[in-house]
Amino acid sequence: MSWRNDGWRARLSANYVHSYRDDLSNVRSETLANYGLTKDDEVNVPSVTLLNGNIGYVFSNDSYLQLSVKNLL
């Protein structure tokens, strides 16, 4: 969703990633050991929705200022 008024601009967006089971078979054993895991463990990663936003002002064709925030939730 976006909005414009004169030089002002704003945008809000949402990104959804479905849950999944992570495959650890290609991860180094030393790295897994740091987290108390083995290559045989199953790691279920939960779904997540990220809400991102930005607001900015356009001064000219070559100049603008923008503030962006990722993961507002």
N, C-alpha and C. Protein backbone atom coordinates (compact mmCIF):
# COMPACT_ATOMS: atom_id res chain seq x y z
N MET A 1 0.85 -1.13 0.00
CA MET A 1 0.00 0.00 0.00
C MET A 1 0.92 1.22 0.00
N SER A 2 0.60 2.21 -0.84
CA SER A 2 1.43 3.42 -0.89
C SER A 2 0.56 4.66 -0.94
N TRP A 3 1.18 5.78 -0.59
CA TRP A 3 0.50 7.07 -0.54
C TRP A 3 1.45 8.14 -1.03
N ARG A 4 0.92 9.13 -1.75
CA ARG A 4 1.70 10.28 -2.24
C ARG A 4 0.90 11.55 -2.06
N ASN A 5 1.60 12.61 -1.68
CA ASN A 5 0.99 13.93 -1.57
C ASN A 5 2.09 14.96 -1.74
N ASP A 6 2.03 15.70 -2.87
CA ASP A 6 3.10 16.63 -3.23
C ASP A 6 4.43 15.87 -3.24
N GLY A 7 5.39 16.29 -2.44
CA GLY A 7 6.68 15.61 -2.42
C GLY A 7 6.76 14.45 -1.44
N TRP A 8 5.74 14.28 -0.62
CA TRP A 8 5.75 13.22 0.38
C TRP A 8 5.37 11.87 -0.21
N ARG A 9 6.02 10.83 0.30
CA ARG A 9 5.75 9.46 -0.13
C ARG A 9 5.74 8.56 1.11
N ALA A 10 4.88 7.57 1.12
CA ALA A 10 4.87 6.58 2.20
C ALA A 10 4.45 5.23 1.62
N ARG A 11 4.98 4.18 2.21
CA ARG A 11 4.66 2.83 1.73
C ARG A 11 4.69 1.86 2.92
N LEU A 12 3.75 0.94 2.89
CA LEU A 12 3.67 -0.12 3.89
C LEU A 12 3.52 -1.44 3.14
N SER A 13 4.33 -2.42 3.50
CA SER A 13 4.25 -3.72 2.82
C SER A 13 4.36 -4.84 3.84
N ALA A 14 3.79 -5.99 3.49
CA ALA A 14 3.85 -7.17 4.34
C ALA A 14 4.41 -8.33 3.54
N ASN A 15 5.28 -9.11 4.18
CA ASN A 15 5.86 -10.30 3.57
C ASN A 15 5.60 -11.48 4.49
N TYR A 16 5.05 -12.56 3.92
CA TYR A 16 4.75 -13.76 4.69
C TYR A 16 5.64 -14.90 4.21
N VAL A 17 6.24 -15.61 5.16
CA VAL A 17 7.03 -16.80 4.85
C VAL A 17 6.39 -17.97 5.61
N HIS A 18 6.00 -19.00 4.87
CA HIS A 18 5.34 -20.18 5.45
C HIS A 18 6.34 -20.96 6.30
N SER A 19 5.85 -21.69 7.27
CA SER A 19 6.71 -22.53 8.10
C SER A 19 7.35 -23.63 7.25
N TYR A 20 8.49 -24.12 7.71
CA TYR A 20 9.18 -25.19 6.98
C TYR A 20 10.08 -25.97 7.93
N ARG A 21 10.51 -27.14 7.50
CA ARG A 21 11.45 -27.96 8.25
C ARG A 21 12.83 -27.74 7.63
N ASP A 22 13.77 -27.31 8.48
CA ASP A 22 15.12 -27.01 7.99
C ASP A 22 15.94 -28.29 7.87
N ASP A 23 16.68 -28.42 6.76
CA ASP A 23 17.53 -29.57 6.50
C ASP A 23 18.93 -29.26 7.03
N LEU A 24 19.39 -30.03 8.01
CA LEU A 24 20.68 -29.78 8.63
C LEU A 24 21.80 -30.64 8.05
N SER A 25 21.50 -31.44 7.05
CA SER A 25 22.48 -32.40 6.54
C SER A 25 23.71 -31.75 5.92
N ASN A 26 23.62 -30.51 5.47
CA ASN A 26 24.77 -29.84 4.85
C ASN A 26 25.44 -28.82 5.75
N VAL A 27 25.04 -28.79 7.03
CA VAL A 27 25.63 -27.84 7.98
C VAL A 27 26.82 -28.51 8.66
N ARG A 28 27.89 -27.74 8.85
CA ARG A 28 29.09 -28.28 9.48
C ARG A 28 28.79 -28.75 10.90
N SER A 29 29.37 -29.89 11.28
CA SER A 29 29.14 -30.48 12.61
C SER A 29 29.54 -29.52 13.72
N GLU A 30 30.64 -28.76 13.51
CA GLU A 30 31.10 -27.81 14.52
C GLU A 30 30.06 -26.71 14.76
N THR A 31 29.42 -26.27 13.70
CA THR A 31 28.39 -25.24 13.82
C THR A 31 27.18 -25.79 14.55
N LEU A 32 26.75 -27.00 14.19
CA LEU A 32 25.62 -27.64 14.86
C LEU A 32 25.90 -27.84 16.35
N ALA A 33 27.12 -28.25 16.68
CA ALA A 33 27.49 -28.49 18.08
C ALA A 33 27.37 -27.21 18.91
N ASN A 34 27.64 -26.06 18.31
CA ASN A 34 27.51 -24.78 19.02
C ASN A 34 26.09 -24.53 19.48
N TYR A 35 25.12 -25.13 18.79
CA TYR A 35 23.70 -24.96 19.11
C TYR A 35 23.09 -26.21 19.74
N GLY A 36 23.93 -27.19 20.06
CA GLY A 36 23.44 -28.42 20.67
C GLY A 36 22.63 -29.28 19.71
N LEU A 37 22.95 -29.23 18.42
CA LEU A 37 22.21 -29.98 17.40
C LEU A 37 23.12 -30.99 16.71
N THR A 38 22.50 -31.97 16.05
CA THR A 38 23.23 -32.91 15.20
C THR A 38 22.58 -32.91 13.82
N LYS A 39 23.23 -33.56 12.88
CA LYS A 39 22.69 -33.61 11.51
C LYS A 39 21.37 -34.37 11.44
N ASP A 40 21.06 -35.21 12.44
CA ASP A 40 19.83 -36.00 12.46
C ASP A 40 18.66 -35.25 13.09
N ASP A 41 18.92 -34.13 13.74
CA ASP A 41 17.84 -33.36 14.38
C ASP A 41 16.93 -32.72 13.34
N GLU A 42 15.69 -32.54 13.74
CA GLU A 42 14.73 -31.81 12.89
C GLU A 42 14.47 -30.45 13.51
N VAL A 43 14.57 -29.43 12.71
CA VAL A 43 14.31 -28.07 13.18
C VAL A 43 13.13 -27.53 12.40
N ASN A 44 12.05 -27.27 13.12
CA ASN A 44 10.87 -26.69 12.50
C ASN A 44 10.92 -25.18 12.67
N VAL A 45 10.94 -24.47 11.55
CA VAL A 45 10.99 -23.01 11.55
C VAL A 45 9.55 -22.51 11.40
N PRO A 46 9.08 -21.70 12.36
CA PRO A 46 7.69 -21.23 12.28
C PRO A 46 7.48 -20.20 11.18
N SER A 47 6.24 -20.06 10.75
CA SER A 47 5.92 -19.03 9.76
C SER A 47 6.10 -17.66 10.38
N VAL A 48 6.30 -16.66 9.54
CA VAL A 48 6.52 -15.30 10.03
C VAL A 48 5.93 -14.30 9.02
N THR A 49 5.37 -13.24 9.55
CA THR A 49 4.91 -12.13 8.72
C THR A 49 5.70 -10.90 9.11
N LEU A 50 6.34 -10.29 8.14
CA LEU A 50 7.12 -9.08 8.37
C LEU A 50 6.38 -7.88 7.79
N LEU A 51 6.31 -6.83 8.57
CA LEU A 51 5.65 -5.59 8.15
C LEU A 51 6.73 -4.53 8.01
N ASN A 52 6.91 -4.00 6.80
CA ASN A 52 7.94 -3.01 6.51
C ASN A 52 7.29 -1.69 6.11
N GLY A 53 7.93 -0.60 6.45
CA GLY A 53 7.38 0.69 6.08
C GLY A 53 8.46 1.69 5.77
N ASN A 54 8.10 2.70 4.98
CA ASN A 54 9.02 3.81 4.75
C ASN A 54 8.23 5.08 4.48
N ILE A 55 8.89 6.18 4.76
CA ILE A 55 8.32 7.50 4.49
C ILE A 55 9.46 8.37 3.97
N GLY A 56 9.14 9.23 3.04
CA GLY A 56 10.18 10.06 2.47
C GLY A 56 9.63 11.32 1.83
N TYR A 57 10.56 12.17 1.44
CA TYR A 57 10.20 13.42 0.77
C TYR A 57 11.12 13.60 -0.43
N VAL A 58 10.54 13.92 -1.59
CA VAL A 58 11.30 14.15 -2.81
C VAL A 58 11.49 15.65 -2.96
N PHE A 59 12.75 16.08 -2.94
CA PHE A 59 13.07 17.51 -3.07
C PHE A 59 13.14 17.93 -4.53
N SER A 60 13.71 17.05 -5.37
CA SER A 60 13.82 17.29 -6.81
C SER A 60 14.00 15.95 -7.48
N ASN A 61 14.21 15.95 -8.80
CA ASN A 61 14.41 14.68 -9.52
C ASN A 61 15.65 13.94 -9.06
N ASP A 62 16.63 14.66 -8.51
CA ASP A 62 17.90 14.05 -8.13
C ASP A 62 18.12 14.01 -6.62
N SER A 63 17.14 14.43 -5.82
CA SER A 63 17.36 14.54 -4.39
C SER A 63 16.12 14.13 -3.60
N TYR A 64 16.30 13.20 -2.66
CA TYR A 64 15.19 12.79 -1.80
C TYR A 64 15.75 12.28 -0.47
N LEU A 65 14.91 12.25 0.52
CA LEU A 65 15.24 11.73 1.84
C LEU A 65 14.23 10.67 2.20
N GLN A 66 14.70 9.50 2.68
CA GLN A 66 13.79 8.41 2.97
C GLN A 66 14.21 7.70 4.25
N LEU A 67 13.23 7.38 5.07
CA LEU A 67 13.42 6.59 6.28
C LEU A 67 12.67 5.27 6.11
N SER A 68 13.40 4.18 6.26
CA SER A 68 12.79 2.84 6.11
C SER A 68 12.95 2.06 7.40
N VAL A 69 11.90 1.31 7.73
CA VAL A 69 11.94 0.43 8.90
C VAL A 69 11.51 -0.96 8.45
N LYS A 70 12.35 -1.94 8.75
CA LYS A 70 12.02 -3.34 8.43
C LYS A 70 11.53 -4.01 9.70
N ASN A 71 10.51 -4.82 9.56
CA ASN A 71 9.92 -5.60 10.65
C ASN A 71 9.37 -4.69 11.75
N LEU A 72 8.33 -3.97 11.43
CA LEU A 72 7.68 -3.06 12.37
C LEU A 72 7.00 -3.78 13.53
N LEU A 73 6.68 -5.06 13.37
CA LEU A 73 5.97 -5.79 14.42
C LEU A 73 6.88 -6.19 15.55
